[in-house]
N, C-alpha and C. Protein backbone atom coordinates (compact mmCIF):
# COMPACT_ATOMS: atom_id res chain seq x y z
N MET A 1 -4.25 40.15 28.50
CA MET A 1 -4.88 39.34 28.41
C MET A 1 -5.32 38.28 27.66
N ARG A 2 -3.37 38.08 27.10
CA ARG A 2 -3.34 36.48 27.39
C ARG A 2 -3.09 35.77 28.18
N LEU A 3 -2.69 35.88 29.13
CA LEU A 3 -2.30 35.41 31.26
C LEU A 3 -4.18 35.04 31.04
N LEU A 4 -5.19 35.80 30.93
CA LEU A 4 -6.29 35.33 30.76
C LEU A 4 -6.65 34.45 30.01
N LEU A 5 -6.27 34.42 28.90
CA LEU A 5 -7.30 33.50 28.31
C LEU A 5 -6.44 31.82 28.59
N ALA A 6 -4.89 32.13 28.82
CA ALA A 6 -3.84 30.76 28.69
C ALA A 6 -5.15 30.10 30.21
N ILE A 7 -5.06 30.96 31.15
CA ILE A 7 -5.91 30.68 32.77
C ILE A 7 -7.08 29.73 32.65
N VAL A 8 -7.75 30.42 31.06
CA VAL A 8 -8.89 30.37 30.68
C VAL A 8 -8.88 28.40 30.23
N TYR A 9 -8.20 28.50 29.78
CA TYR A 9 -8.20 27.25 28.56
C TYR A 9 -7.30 26.19 29.82
N CYS A 10 -6.55 26.73 30.47
CA CYS A 10 -6.14 25.79 31.26
C CYS A 10 -6.94 24.64 32.06
N PHE A 11 -8.33 25.61 32.76
CA PHE A 11 -9.44 25.60 33.37
C PHE A 11 -10.09 24.69 31.84
N MET A 12 -10.56 24.67 31.53
CA MET A 12 -11.26 24.24 30.72
C MET A 12 -10.18 22.26 30.02
N ASN A 13 -9.01 22.42 29.72
CA ASN A 13 -8.28 21.60 30.38
C ASN A 13 -8.60 20.62 30.70
N LEU A 14 -8.63 20.53 32.03
CA LEU A 14 -8.91 20.38 33.54
C LEU A 14 -9.99 19.76 33.20
N ALA A 15 -10.65 20.27 32.98
CA ALA A 15 -12.29 19.95 33.60
C ALA A 15 -12.96 19.12 31.95
N GLY A 16 -11.90 19.59 31.26
CA GLY A 16 -11.78 18.08 29.77
C GLY A 16 -12.86 18.47 29.05
N CYS A 17 -12.52 19.75 29.17
CA CYS A 17 -13.16 20.82 28.03
C CYS A 17 -12.96 21.42 26.54
N THR A 18 -11.02 20.89 26.36
CA THR A 18 -11.19 20.60 24.76
C THR A 18 -11.28 20.04 24.38
N ASP A 19 -10.28 20.12 22.79
CA ASP A 19 -10.26 18.76 21.63
C ASP A 19 -9.67 17.80 21.97
N ALA A 20 -10.87 17.66 22.02
CA ALA A 20 -10.73 15.14 22.63
C ALA A 20 -9.87 14.85 21.79
N GLN A 21 -9.74 15.03 20.21
CA GLN A 21 -8.98 14.87 19.64
C GLN A 21 -7.34 14.72 19.48
N ASN A 22 -7.26 15.67 20.58
CA ASN A 22 -5.64 16.21 20.50
C ASN A 22 -4.71 14.85 21.22
N ARG A 23 -3.84 14.30 20.52
CA ARG A 23 -3.50 12.39 20.98
C ARG A 23 -2.30 12.62 20.51
N SER A 24 -1.59 11.11 20.89
CA SER A 24 0.18 11.04 19.89
C SER A 24 0.09 9.53 20.02
N LEU A 25 0.10 9.45 18.91
CA LEU A 25 0.36 7.69 18.73
C LEU A 25 1.54 8.00 18.99
N VAL A 26 2.37 6.52 19.04
CA VAL A 26 3.38 6.15 18.97
C VAL A 26 4.20 4.50 18.65
N MET A 27 4.92 4.38 17.54
CA MET A 27 4.77 3.24 17.03
C MET A 27 5.92 2.97 17.43
N THR A 28 6.75 1.80 17.74
CA THR A 28 7.67 1.17 18.49
C THR A 28 7.89 -0.05 17.57
N ALA A 29 9.04 -0.47 17.02
CA ALA A 29 8.92 -2.09 16.75
C ALA A 29 10.96 -2.61 16.66
N SER A 30 11.20 -3.78 17.59
CA SER A 30 12.35 -4.03 17.14
C SER A 30 12.38 -4.68 17.37
N ASP A 31 14.02 -5.75 17.22
CA ASP A 31 13.56 -7.27 17.05
C ASP A 31 15.39 -7.67 17.47
N ASN A 32 15.27 -8.21 18.92
CA ASN A 32 16.53 -8.32 19.20
C ASN A 32 17.26 -7.58 19.99
N GLY A 33 16.88 -6.30 19.96
CA GLY A 33 17.34 -5.07 20.57
C GLY A 33 17.58 -3.75 19.91
N HIS A 34 17.04 -4.39 18.43
CA HIS A 34 17.51 -3.05 16.70
C HIS A 34 16.15 -2.24 16.74
N VAL A 35 15.94 -1.36 16.63
CA VAL A 35 15.18 -1.39 16.33
C VAL A 35 15.01 -1.45 14.65
N THR A 36 13.48 -1.72 14.67
CA THR A 36 13.03 -1.64 12.92
C THR A 36 12.68 -1.36 12.23
N LEU A 37 11.46 -0.32 13.36
CA LEU A 37 9.95 0.98 13.16
C LEU A 37 10.15 1.29 14.44
N ASP A 38 9.96 2.86 13.82
CA ASP A 38 9.44 4.17 15.32
C ASP A 38 8.69 4.71 14.53
N SER A 39 7.74 5.38 14.56
CA SER A 39 7.41 6.22 14.06
C SER A 39 6.13 7.34 15.55
N ARG A 40 5.94 8.49 14.29
CA ARG A 40 4.84 8.80 15.20
C ARG A 40 3.59 9.97 15.14
N THR A 41 2.89 10.33 15.66
CA THR A 41 1.79 10.37 15.06
C THR A 41 0.66 11.37 16.06
N ASP A 42 1.08 13.02 15.65
CA ASP A 42 0.16 13.66 16.40
C ASP A 42 -0.63 14.33 16.03
N VAL A 43 -1.69 14.45 16.91
CA VAL A 43 -2.89 14.80 16.44
C VAL A 43 -3.13 16.20 17.54
N ARG A 44 -3.79 17.23 16.82
CA ARG A 44 -3.44 17.97 17.03
C ARG A 44 -4.06 19.62 16.53
N MET A 45 -5.22 20.30 16.77
CA MET A 45 -6.51 20.95 16.86
C MET A 45 -6.94 19.87 15.04
N GLY A 46 -7.15 19.20 15.41
CA GLY A 46 -8.18 18.39 13.64
C GLY A 46 -6.53 17.66 12.65
N ARG A 47 -5.38 18.44 12.95
CA ARG A 47 -4.26 18.29 12.07
C ARG A 47 -3.55 16.98 12.68
N ALA A 48 -2.96 16.96 11.84
CA ALA A 48 -1.84 15.77 12.18
C ALA A 48 -0.09 15.25 11.53
N ARG A 49 0.07 14.34 12.10
CA ARG A 49 1.98 15.58 11.99
C ARG A 49 2.40 13.90 11.59
N PHE A 50 3.01 13.28 10.79
CA PHE A 50 2.84 11.76 10.91
C PHE A 50 4.80 11.96 11.25
N ALA A 51 5.29 10.99 11.28
CA ALA A 51 6.62 11.39 11.63
C ALA A 51 7.48 9.70 11.67
N CYS A 52 8.22 9.66 9.89
CA CYS A 52 8.41 8.39 9.92
C CYS A 52 10.01 8.35 10.66
N ALA A 53 10.52 7.72 12.12
CA ALA A 53 11.53 8.20 12.41
C ALA A 53 13.14 6.93 12.48
N ALA A 54 12.28 5.99 11.98
CA ALA A 54 13.57 4.60 11.71
C ALA A 54 12.43 3.70 11.14
N SER A 55 13.39 2.49 9.98
CA SER A 55 12.63 2.16 9.57
C SER A 55 13.74 0.86 8.79
N ASP A 56 13.76 -0.44 8.76
CA ASP A 56 14.70 -0.99 8.14
C ASP A 56 14.33 -0.75 6.90
N THR A 57 13.36 -1.09 6.13
CA THR A 57 13.70 -0.65 4.63
C THR A 57 13.55 0.81 4.16
N GLY A 58 14.20 1.63 5.26
CA GLY A 58 13.79 2.91 4.47
C GLY A 58 12.72 3.87 4.75
N GLN A 59 11.17 3.03 4.41
CA GLN A 59 10.15 4.00 4.44
C GLN A 59 9.35 3.58 5.67
N CYS A 60 8.44 3.87 5.97
CA CYS A 60 7.09 3.61 6.96
C CYS A 60 6.33 3.99 5.72
N HIS A 61 5.51 3.09 6.35
CA HIS A 61 3.49 2.90 5.10
C HIS A 61 2.52 3.25 5.61
N TYR A 62 2.07 3.68 5.83
CA TYR A 62 0.97 3.92 6.87
C TYR A 62 -0.19 3.86 6.27
N THR A 63 -1.37 3.22 6.71
CA THR A 63 -2.90 3.08 6.27
C THR A 63 -3.93 3.48 7.45
N VAL A 64 -4.60 5.09 6.95
CA VAL A 64 -5.39 5.67 8.28
C VAL A 64 -7.03 5.43 7.93
N PHE A 65 -6.92 4.39 9.26
CA PHE A 65 -8.54 4.49 9.39
C PHE A 65 -9.85 5.08 9.78
N ASP A 66 -10.94 5.08 8.88
CA ASP A 66 -11.85 5.31 10.15
C ASP A 66 -12.89 4.21 10.42
N GLY A 67 -12.80 3.55 11.65
CA GLY A 67 -13.47 2.37 11.45
C GLY A 67 -12.44 1.44 11.18
N ALA A 68 -13.32 0.63 10.15
CA ALA A 68 -13.44 -0.74 9.18
C ALA A 68 -13.14 0.34 7.78
N ASN A 69 -12.84 0.63 7.32
CA ASN A 69 -12.74 1.77 6.43
C ASN A 69 -11.44 2.44 6.28
N ALA A 70 -10.04 2.47 5.19
CA ALA A 70 -9.24 2.81 5.03
C ALA A 70 -9.24 3.96 4.12
N VAL A 71 -9.53 4.71 4.62
CA VAL A 71 -9.18 6.28 4.42
C VAL A 71 -7.77 7.38 3.61
N ARG A 72 -6.72 6.86 4.14
CA ARG A 72 -5.88 7.51 3.35
C ARG A 72 -4.27 5.89 3.27
N THR A 73 -3.52 5.95 2.85
CA THR A 73 -2.56 5.51 3.04
C THR A 73 -1.49 5.54 2.18
N PHE A 74 -0.42 6.28 2.61
CA PHE A 74 1.30 6.66 1.82
C PHE A 74 2.03 6.15 2.35
N ALA A 75 3.33 6.59 2.16
CA ALA A 75 4.68 5.81 2.36
C ALA A 75 5.22 7.30 3.01
N LEU A 76 5.85 7.42 3.73
CA LEU A 76 7.30 8.41 4.64
C LEU A 76 8.78 7.89 4.23
N ALA A 77 9.73 8.78 3.39
CA ALA A 77 11.47 8.07 4.15
C ALA A 77 11.76 8.08 5.34
N VAL A 78 12.39 7.87 5.89
CA VAL A 78 13.10 7.62 7.23
C VAL A 78 13.48 9.46 7.47
N ARG A 79 13.10 10.09 8.65
CA ARG A 79 13.20 11.36 9.00
C ARG A 79 12.35 12.19 7.73
N GLU A 80 11.18 12.01 7.23
CA GLU A 80 10.33 12.28 6.66
C GLU A 80 9.30 12.78 7.81
N GLU A 81 8.18 13.69 7.43
CA GLU A 81 7.01 13.93 8.22
C GLU A 81 6.43 14.48 6.93
N ARG A 82 4.92 14.03 7.27
CA ARG A 82 3.64 14.80 6.70
C ARG A 82 2.84 15.40 7.39
N LEU A 83 1.99 17.00 7.35
CA LEU A 83 0.98 17.11 7.60
C LEU A 83 -0.12 16.79 7.00
N VAL A 84 -1.17 16.45 7.68
CA VAL A 84 -2.54 16.33 7.39
C VAL A 84 -3.50 16.56 8.24
N ASP A 85 -4.67 17.39 6.90
CA ASP A 85 -5.69 17.87 7.73
C ASP A 85 -6.86 17.49 6.76
N ARG A 86 -8.14 17.18 7.81
CA ARG A 86 -9.65 16.52 7.70
C ARG A 86 -9.69 15.55 7.44
N LEU A 87 -8.79 14.42 8.17
CA LEU A 87 -8.84 13.18 8.31
C LEU A 87 -10.37 12.96 9.69
N PRO A 88 -11.23 12.19 9.17
CA PRO A 88 -11.74 11.63 10.68
C PRO A 88 -11.93 11.84 12.07
N GLY A 89 -13.00 12.34 12.91
CA GLY A 89 -12.58 12.06 14.25
C GLY A 89 -12.12 11.28 15.01
N GLY A 90 -10.77 10.47 15.26
CA GLY A 90 -10.84 9.42 15.65
C GLY A 90 -10.79 8.03 15.53
N PHE A 91 -10.01 8.61 14.74
CA PHE A 91 -9.08 7.86 13.00
C PHE A 91 -8.60 7.00 13.99
N SER A 92 -7.61 5.90 13.37
CA SER A 92 -6.75 5.09 13.82
C SER A 92 -5.95 4.97 12.90
N VAL A 93 -4.26 4.46 13.12
CA VAL A 93 -3.21 3.85 11.91
C VAL A 93 -3.16 3.23 12.09
N CYS A 94 -2.43 2.33 11.16
CA CYS A 94 -0.81 1.33 10.91
C CYS A 94 -0.50 1.89 10.88
N VAL A 95 1.13 1.25 10.87
CA VAL A 95 2.20 1.35 10.28
C VAL A 95 3.14 0.79 9.99
N THR A 96 3.68 0.17 8.64
CA THR A 96 4.00 -0.94 8.89
C THR A 96 5.97 -0.53 7.82
N ARG A 97 6.36 -1.48 7.98
CA ARG A 97 7.80 -1.29 7.60
C ARG A 97 7.40 -1.62 5.70
N GLN A 98 6.57 -2.45 5.72
CA GLN A 98 6.66 -3.53 4.11
C GLN A 98 4.68 -2.89 3.33
N PRO A 99 5.16 -2.56 2.10
CA PRO A 99 4.12 -2.19 0.97
C PRO A 99 2.72 -3.56 1.48
N GLY A 100 1.65 -3.10 1.38
CA GLY A 100 0.57 -3.57 1.10
C GLY A 100 -0.66 -3.46 2.30
N ALA A 101 -1.37 -3.91 2.28
CA ALA A 101 -2.56 -4.01 2.87
C ALA A 101 -2.76 -4.90 3.89
N VAL A 102 -3.27 -3.43 5.02
CA VAL A 102 -3.64 -4.70 6.37
C VAL A 102 -4.96 -3.51 7.39
N THR A 103 -5.73 -5.12 8.35
CA THR A 103 -6.87 -4.60 9.23
C THR A 103 -7.14 -3.18 9.45
N PRO A 104 -8.02 -3.03 9.99
CA PRO A 104 -7.64 -2.07 10.62
C PRO A 104 -7.32 -2.31 11.94
N GLY A 105 -7.03 -3.28 12.38
CA GLY A 105 -6.07 -4.18 13.84
C GLY A 105 -4.65 -4.22 13.29
N CYS A 106 -4.63 -4.21 12.40
CA CYS A 106 -2.91 -3.94 12.44
C CYS A 106 -2.68 -5.10 11.33
N LYS A 107 -3.14 -5.97 11.37
CA LYS A 107 -3.17 -7.70 10.54
C LYS A 107 -2.42 -7.45 9.17
N PRO A 108 -1.27 -8.35 8.52
CA PRO A 108 -1.86 -8.20 6.72
C PRO A 108 -3.01 -8.22 6.52
N ALA A 109 -3.63 -8.12 5.13
CA ALA A 109 -5.04 -8.68 5.26
C ALA A 109 -4.88 -8.91 4.33
């Protein structure tokens, strides 16, 4: 039965009939070859995993947007991860090394 479900899911995936929210967002910044910020956000089945891999300041600062509205802000230490449920579908995220307000285009406010 498991094999049958796996085959059905595979065909649904090929046809585009699975959760469109499954995606990965990677943010990496470097200066003269030195990585100053490295973050990954994986969204699977409505749950987002935010992971801070590197930051010159020791923290990655996240702002989650629903359109033009910031719906959540938080910071993670390097090598820290956070699982977040119930984010709006199609949310966007900005990641910075420094705390402070940002626009949905990730520019300082």
